Each structure stands twice: as structure tokens, then as C-alpha cells.
Amino acid sequence: MELNDFIMNFADQFDETDASVFDKDTRFRDLDEWSSLVAMSLIAFVKTSFNKVVTGKEIRSCDTVEDLYKLVLSK
């Protein structure tokens, strides 16, 4: 999955935040909608799309969407 596709799928995990807000430099944990529920959705998205496991701790270590993308690819 390319970065742009990852960003679009990542944005789908947020119900109330417009997809246009997201790019590779988006600091997703600073978004008003960010919550543990969204984090759980991201964990499920990564498992379903990449068959890889990321933890909440690993997500917290990422600052931007691109950081998370690189984390997933590194697994």
C-alpha cells in the first residue's frame, strides 16, 4: 500500500474529521477526535490491511501519519 492510500484509509478511521485534514505530516494525536477508540480502530485497520500488529504504545510513539506508516512497513 502506497502512502497516499494509507492516508486515505487512515482518515476513514475518523468519523467526524474531514479527510482533507489528513496528509503525511498530520499530527493525528493532536486532533480533537483522537481517542482510545480511534486508536483501537487503527490497530484493527493495520491488522486487517497489513496482517501486522501494532500496539497502543507503538502508536503513541508516532507523531505523524507518515511515522505510523513507516512503523507498519517496518514490521
C-alpha atoms as a PDB file:
ATOM      1  CA  MET A   1       0.000   0.000   0.000  1.00  0.00           C
ATOM      2  CA  GLU A   2       1.365   3.385  -1.008  1.00  0.00           C
ATOM      3  CA  LEU A   3       1.496   6.277   1.450  1.00  0.00           C
ATOM      4  CA  ASN A   4      -1.405   8.149  -0.178  1.00  0.00           C
ATOM      5  CA  ASP A   5      -3.629   5.064   0.022  1.00  0.00           C
ATOM      6  CA  PHE A   6      -2.598   4.598   3.643  1.00  0.00           C
ATOM      7  CA  ILE A   7      -3.551   8.216   4.401  1.00  0.00           C
ATOM      8  CA  MET A   8      -6.998   7.776   2.831  1.00  0.00           C
ATOM      9  CA  ASN A   9      -7.643   4.560   4.775  1.00  0.00           C
ATOM     10  CA  PHE A  10      -6.240   6.127   7.936  1.00  0.00           C
ATOM     11  CA  ALA A  11      -8.625   9.087   7.546  1.00  0.00           C
ATOM     12  CA  ASP A  12     -11.540   6.646   7.286  1.00  0.00           C
ATOM     13  CA  GLN A  13     -10.949   5.705  10.932  1.00  0.00           C
ATOM     14  CA  PHE A  14     -12.078   9.192  11.966  1.00  0.00           C
ATOM     15  CA  ASP A  15     -15.844   9.747  11.756  1.00  0.00           C
ATOM     16  CA  GLU A  16     -16.026  13.479  12.400  1.00  0.00           C
ATOM     17  CA  THR A  17     -12.754  14.771  10.949  1.00  0.00           C
ATOM     18  CA  ASP A  18     -12.805  15.703   7.274  1.00  0.00           C
ATOM     19  CA  ALA A  19     -10.446  13.614   5.153  1.00  0.00           C
ATOM     20  CA  SER A  20      -8.922  16.789   3.674  1.00  0.00           C
ATOM     21  CA  VAL A  21      -7.275  17.409   7.064  1.00  0.00           C
ATOM     22  CA  PHE A  22      -5.013  14.391   6.606  1.00  0.00           C
ATOM     23  CA  ASP A  23      -1.653  14.342   4.896  1.00  0.00           C
ATOM     24  CA  LYS A  24       1.669  12.713   5.698  1.00  0.00           C
ATOM     25  CA  ASP A  25       2.548  15.443   8.222  1.00  0.00           C
ATOM     26  CA  THR A  26      -0.743  15.397  10.141  1.00  0.00           C
ATOM     27  CA  ARG A  27      -0.137  15.084  13.882  1.00  0.00           C
ATOM     28  CA  PHE A  28      -3.100  12.778  14.363  1.00  0.00           C
ATOM     29  CA  ARG A  29      -2.922  12.595  18.159  1.00  0.00           C
ATOM     30  CA  ASP A  30      -3.476  16.382  18.274  1.00  0.00           C
ATOM     31  CA  LEU A  31      -6.853  16.087  16.523  1.00  0.00           C
ATOM     32  CA  ASP A  32      -9.950  16.744  18.634  1.00  0.00           C
ATOM     33  CA  GLU A  33     -11.424  13.411  17.622  1.00  0.00           C
ATOM     34  CA  TRP A  34      -8.372  11.389  18.729  1.00  0.00           C
ATOM     35  CA  SER A  35      -9.328   8.865  21.395  1.00  0.00           C
ATOM     36  CA  SER A  36      -8.588   5.356  22.558  1.00  0.00           C
ATOM     37  CA  LEU A  37     -11.493   4.175  20.401  1.00  0.00           C
ATOM     38  CA  VAL A  38      -9.846   5.633  17.286  1.00  0.00           C
ATOM     39  CA  ALA A  39      -6.563   4.022  18.338  1.00  0.00           C
ATOM     40  CA  MET A  40      -8.336   0.661  18.559  1.00  0.00           C
ATOM     41  CA  SER A  41      -9.787   1.255  15.087  1.00  0.00           C
ATOM     42  CA  LEU A  42      -6.287   1.931  13.780  1.00  0.00           C
ATOM     43  CA  ILE A  43      -4.991  -1.275  15.346  1.00  0.00           C
ATOM     44  CA  ALA A  44      -7.799  -3.195  13.609  1.00  0.00           C
ATOM     45  CA  PHE A  45      -7.143  -1.363  10.310  1.00  0.00           C
ATOM     46  CA  VAL A  46      -3.460  -2.335  10.389  1.00  0.00           C
ATOM     47  CA  LYS A  47      -4.287  -5.939  11.276  1.00  0.00           C
ATOM     48  CA  THR A  48      -6.891  -6.220   8.510  1.00  0.00           C
ATOM     49  CA  SER A  49      -4.998  -4.352   5.785  1.00  0.00           C
ATOM     50  CA  PHE A  50      -1.436  -5.465   6.504  1.00  0.00           C
ATOM     51  CA  ASN A  51      -1.843  -8.573   8.686  1.00  0.00           C
ATOM     52  CA  LYS A  52       0.511  -6.886  11.156  1.00  0.00           C
ATOM     53  CA  VAL A  53       0.069  -5.972  14.806  1.00  0.00           C
ATOM     54  CA  VAL A  54       0.759  -2.528  16.230  1.00  0.00           C
ATOM     55  CA  THR A  55       0.296  -1.714  19.880  1.00  0.00           C
ATOM     56  CA  GLY A  56      -1.100   1.358  21.556  1.00  0.00           C
ATOM     57  CA  LYS A  57       2.389   2.116  22.851  1.00  0.00           C
ATOM     58  CA  GLU A  58       3.780   1.999  19.301  1.00  0.00           C
ATOM     59  CA  ILE A  59       1.022   4.312  18.053  1.00  0.00           C
ATOM     60  CA  ARG A  60       1.810   6.759  20.874  1.00  0.00           C
ATOM     61  CA  SER A  61       5.439   6.774  19.724  1.00  0.00           C
ATOM     62  CA  CYS A  62       4.365   8.125  16.315  1.00  0.00           C
ATOM     63  CA  ASP A  63       3.926  11.847  15.795  1.00  0.00           C
ATOM     64  CA  THR A  64       2.605  11.943  12.243  1.00  0.00           C
ATOM     65  CA  VAL A  65       0.630   9.758   9.858  1.00  0.00           C
ATOM     66  CA  GLU A  66       3.838   9.099   7.942  1.00  0.00           C
ATOM     67  CA  ASP A  67       5.553   7.941  11.148  1.00  0.00           C
ATOM     68  CA  LEU A  68       2.789   5.388  11.649  1.00  0.00           C
ATOM     69  CA  TYR A  69       3.020   4.304   8.005  1.00  0.00           C
ATOM     70  CA  LYS A  70       6.762   3.729   8.380  1.00  0.00           C
ATOM     71  CA  LEU A  71       6.182   1.803  11.595  1.00  0.00           C
ATOM     72  CA  VAL A  72       3.719  -0.521   9.874  1.00  0.00           C
ATOM     73  CA  LEU A  73       6.080  -1.083   6.957  1.00  0.00           C
ATOM     74  CA  SER A  74       8.948  -1.878   9.315  1.00  0.00           C
ATOM     75  CA  LYS A  75       7.081  -4.810  10.868  1.00  0.00           C
END
